[in-house]
Protein backbone atom coordinates (compact mmCIF):
# COMPACT_ATOMS: atom_id res chain seq x y z
CA UNK A 1 29.29 -89.92 14.36
CA UNK A 2 26.92 -92.82 13.74
CA UNK A 3 24.01 -90.48 14.53
CA UNK A 4 25.10 -88.27 11.62
CA UNK A 5 25.11 -91.31 9.33
CA UNK A 6 21.49 -91.98 10.40
CA UNK A 7 20.48 -88.42 9.40
CA UNK A 8 20.61 -86.76 12.80
CA UNK A 9 21.39 -83.16 11.98
CA UNK A 10 20.41 -80.81 14.84
CA UNK A 11 20.49 -77.00 14.47
CA UNK A 12 22.48 -76.82 17.71
CA UNK A 13 23.62 -78.99 20.61
CA UNK A 14 23.20 -78.63 24.38
CA UNK A 15 25.97 -79.71 26.74
CA UNK A 16 27.87 -78.75 29.83
CA UNK A 17 31.36 -77.36 29.68
CA UNK A 18 33.12 -80.77 29.77
CA UNK A 19 36.19 -80.57 27.54
CA UNK A 20 35.84 -84.14 26.23
CA UNK A 21 32.22 -83.57 25.25
CA UNK A 22 33.03 -80.22 23.59
CA UNK A 23 36.01 -81.75 21.74
CA UNK A 24 33.73 -84.52 20.38
CA UNK A 25 31.13 -81.97 19.39
CA UNK A 26 33.71 -80.02 17.37
CA UNK A 27 34.93 -83.18 15.63
CA UNK A 28 31.45 -84.35 14.65
CA UNK A 29 29.62 -81.09 14.18
CA UNK A 30 32.20 -78.35 13.50
CA UNK A 31 29.61 -75.83 12.33
CA UNK A 32 26.96 -76.46 15.04
CA UNK A 33 26.67 -74.07 18.00
CA UNK A 34 26.55 -75.67 21.43
CA UNK A 35 24.35 -74.03 24.07
CA UNK A 36 24.93 -74.36 27.80
CA UNK A 37 22.73 -76.75 29.72
CA UNK A 38 20.01 -75.60 32.12
CA UNK A 39 20.23 -78.19 34.92
CA UNK A 40 23.47 -76.74 36.29
CA UNK A 41 21.60 -73.45 36.68
CA UNK A 42 18.85 -75.23 38.63
CA UNK A 43 21.41 -76.60 41.09
CA UNK A 44 23.19 -73.25 41.39
CA UNK A 45 19.95 -71.39 42.07
CA UNK A 46 18.96 -74.05 44.55
CA UNK A 47 22.21 -73.52 46.45
CA UNK A 48 21.74 -69.73 46.43
CA UNK A 49 18.15 -70.10 47.74
CA UNK A 50 19.39 -72.33 50.56
CA UNK A 51 22.03 -69.76 51.44
CA UNK A 52 19.43 -66.96 51.52
CA UNK A 53 17.12 -69.15 53.64
CA UNK A 54 19.86 -69.74 56.19
CA UNK A 55 20.68 -66.04 56.36
CA UNK A 56 17.07 -65.03 56.77
CA UNK A 57 16.49 -67.57 59.52
CA UNK A 58 19.75 -66.83 61.42
CA UNK A 59 19.19 -63.05 61.31
CA UNK A 60 15.61 -63.33 62.54
CA UNK A 61 14.26 -61.18 59.69
CA UNK A 62 10.58 -60.43 60.03
CA UNK A 63 9.95 -62.25 56.75
CA UNK A 64 12.10 -65.22 57.73
CA UNK A 65 9.21 -67.45 56.74
CA UNK A 66 10.45 -66.83 53.16
CA UNK A 67 12.93 -69.53 54.04
CA UNK A 68 10.25 -72.26 53.93
CA UNK A 69 9.35 -72.06 50.24
CA UNK A 70 12.83 -71.07 49.23
CA UNK A 71 14.29 -74.13 50.92
CA UNK A 72 11.60 -76.54 49.81
CA UNK A 73 11.72 -75.50 46.16
CA UNK A 74 15.51 -75.24 46.22
CA UNK A 75 15.75 -78.85 47.31
CA UNK A 76 13.36 -79.85 44.51
CA UNK A 77 15.48 -77.89 41.99
CA UNK A 78 18.64 -79.57 43.21
CA UNK A 79 17.04 -83.04 43.06
CA UNK A 80 15.80 -82.43 39.51
CA UNK A 81 19.05 -80.86 38.35
CA UNK A 82 21.13 -83.55 40.03
CA UNK A 83 19.05 -86.45 38.72
CA UNK A 84 19.20 -85.14 35.15
CA UNK A 85 22.95 -84.67 35.46
CA UNK A 86 23.52 -88.13 36.96
CA UNK A 87 21.39 -89.99 34.41
CA UNK A 88 22.55 -88.12 31.27
CA UNK A 89 25.77 -90.10 30.65
CA UNK A 90 24.04 -93.48 30.98
CA UNK A 91 21.07 -92.33 28.91
CA UNK A 92 23.36 -91.04 26.17
CA UNK A 93 25.28 -94.33 26.08
CA UNK A 94 22.07 -96.36 25.96
CA UNK A 95 20.60 -94.22 23.18
CA UNK A 96 23.83 -94.31 21.17
CA UNK A 97 23.94 -98.13 21.41
CA UNK A 98 20.29 -98.45 20.51
CA UNK A 99 20.78 -96.16 17.51
CA UNK A 100 23.36 -98.59 16.16
CA UNK A 101 21.35 -101.75 16.81
CA UNK A 102 17.75 -100.74 16.26
CA UNK A 103 17.30 -97.17 15.06
CA UNK A 104 13.57 -97.60 14.26
CA UNK A 105 12.89 -98.70 17.86
CA UNK A 106 14.92 -95.85 19.24
CA UNK A 107 13.00 -93.36 17.12
CA UNK A 108 9.61 -94.76 18.20
CA UNK A 109 10.51 -94.90 21.89
CA UNK A 110 12.12 -91.45 21.94
CA UNK A 111 9.18 -89.85 20.13
CA UNK A 112 6.77 -91.35 22.67
CA UNK A 113 8.98 -90.37 25.60
CA UNK A 114 9.51 -86.80 24.38
CA UNK A 115 5.82 -86.31 23.63
CA UNK A 116 5.12 -87.21 27.25
CA UNK A 117 7.92 -84.88 28.46
CA UNK A 118 6.49 -82.04 26.37
CA UNK A 119 2.90 -82.65 27.62
CA UNK A 120 4.09 -82.75 31.24
CA UNK A 121 6.08 -79.55 30.71
CA UNK A 122 2.92 -77.70 29.70
CA UNK A 123 1.15 -78.98 32.81
CA UNK A 124 4.07 -77.93 35.03
CA UNK A 125 4.07 -74.44 33.53
CA UNK A 126 0.34 -74.05 34.10
CA UNK A 127 0.67 -75.12 37.71
CA UNK A 128 3.60 -72.73 38.19
CA UNK A 129 1.56 -69.82 36.75
CA UNK A 130 -1.37 -70.61 39.12
CA UNK A 131 1.04 -70.70 42.04
CA UNK A 132 2.54 -67.36 41.01
CA UNK A 133 -0.93 -65.79 40.99
CA UNK A 134 -1.73 -67.28 44.44
CA UNK A 135 1.62 -66.05 45.74
CA UNK A 136 1.07 -62.51 44.56
CA UNK A 137 -2.37 -62.64 46.19
CA UNK A 138 -0.78 -63.73 49.48
CA UNK A 139 1.57 -60.74 49.34
CA UNK A 140 -1.21 -58.29 48.39
CA UNK A 141 -3.89 -59.38 50.81
CA UNK A 142 -1.83 -60.77 53.73
CA UNK A 143 1.05 -58.38 53.82
CA UNK A 144 0.38 -57.48 57.47
CA UNK A 145 0.89 -61.06 58.50
CA UNK A 146 4.64 -61.63 58.52
CA UNK A 147 4.41 -65.41 58.13
CA UNK A 148 1.99 -65.33 55.14
CA UNK A 149 3.77 -62.42 53.49
CA UNK A 150 7.14 -64.10 53.88
CA UNK A 151 5.90 -67.36 52.42
CA UNK A 152 4.28 -65.41 49.55
CA UNK A 153 7.54 -63.50 48.79
CA UNK A 154 9.51 -66.75 48.83
CA UNK A 155 7.08 -68.47 46.53
CA UNK A 156 7.03 -65.47 44.15
CA UNK A 157 10.81 -65.54 43.88
CA UNK A 158 10.87 -69.24 43.08
CA UNK A 159 7.67 -69.24 41.02
CA UNK A 160 8.99 -66.47 38.78
CA UNK A 161 12.36 -68.11 38.23
CA UNK A 162 11.44 -71.75 37.65
CA UNK A 163 9.10 -71.22 34.66
CA UNK A 164 11.82 -69.14 33.00
CA UNK A 165 14.16 -72.08 32.97
CA UNK A 166 11.31 -74.41 32.04
CA UNK A 167 10.68 -72.32 28.93
CA UNK A 168 14.27 -72.78 27.76
CA UNK A 169 14.13 -76.50 28.56
CA UNK A 170 10.82 -76.87 26.70
CA UNK A 171 12.23 -75.15 23.63
CA UNK A 172 15.20 -77.51 23.62
CA UNK A 173 12.91 -80.48 24.12
CA UNK A 174 10.83 -79.39 21.11
CA UNK A 175 13.99 -79.07 19.01
CA UNK A 176 15.17 -82.53 20.10
CA UNK A 177 11.73 -84.06 19.33
CA UNK A 178 11.88 -82.47 15.90
CA UNK A 179 15.35 -83.84 15.26
CA UNK A 180 14.32 -87.33 16.39
CA UNK A 181 11.23 -87.21 14.12
CA UNK A 182 13.42 -86.25 11.17
CA UNK A 183 15.79 -89.26 11.56
CA UNK A 184 15.99 -91.07 8.26
CA UNK A 185 15.36 -94.72 9.11
């Protein structure tokens, strides 16, 4: 509620399905829509990829090498999703306290932090696109080599999915940055 008093007026909120969080959102911002978070999806997709990897490997599929990139990237997705989830509550408490004590400092620090996040997001997306092109090339030119083709297919699956979630996360980051920049301090 203090954030509202400081001029924080987002177009929408992002949260998980926690009932306490949603109840607070309704009390403070009755008219604001609340979108589902993305990091739970990262963890879920990571678990599915691990399951597929195990099945491929256990069944001795000719493209069982798909399991290598599926497993490696799934573990990264789970670490990213889990770390975001685990730090969110503490980060929210810290930011809320800082907003009450020193809103100008919060604004300056969050703008700097989010500008870095947005810059890094663009770099990640560019790397993901290059990897997707390399992966498609592996499938196209090395399809007769089971190991290379399997790795290529696994990478294509992950390289096509991960940027999709990154686009949503980047859009939300841009909205958050805009909201922070508009804080009346």
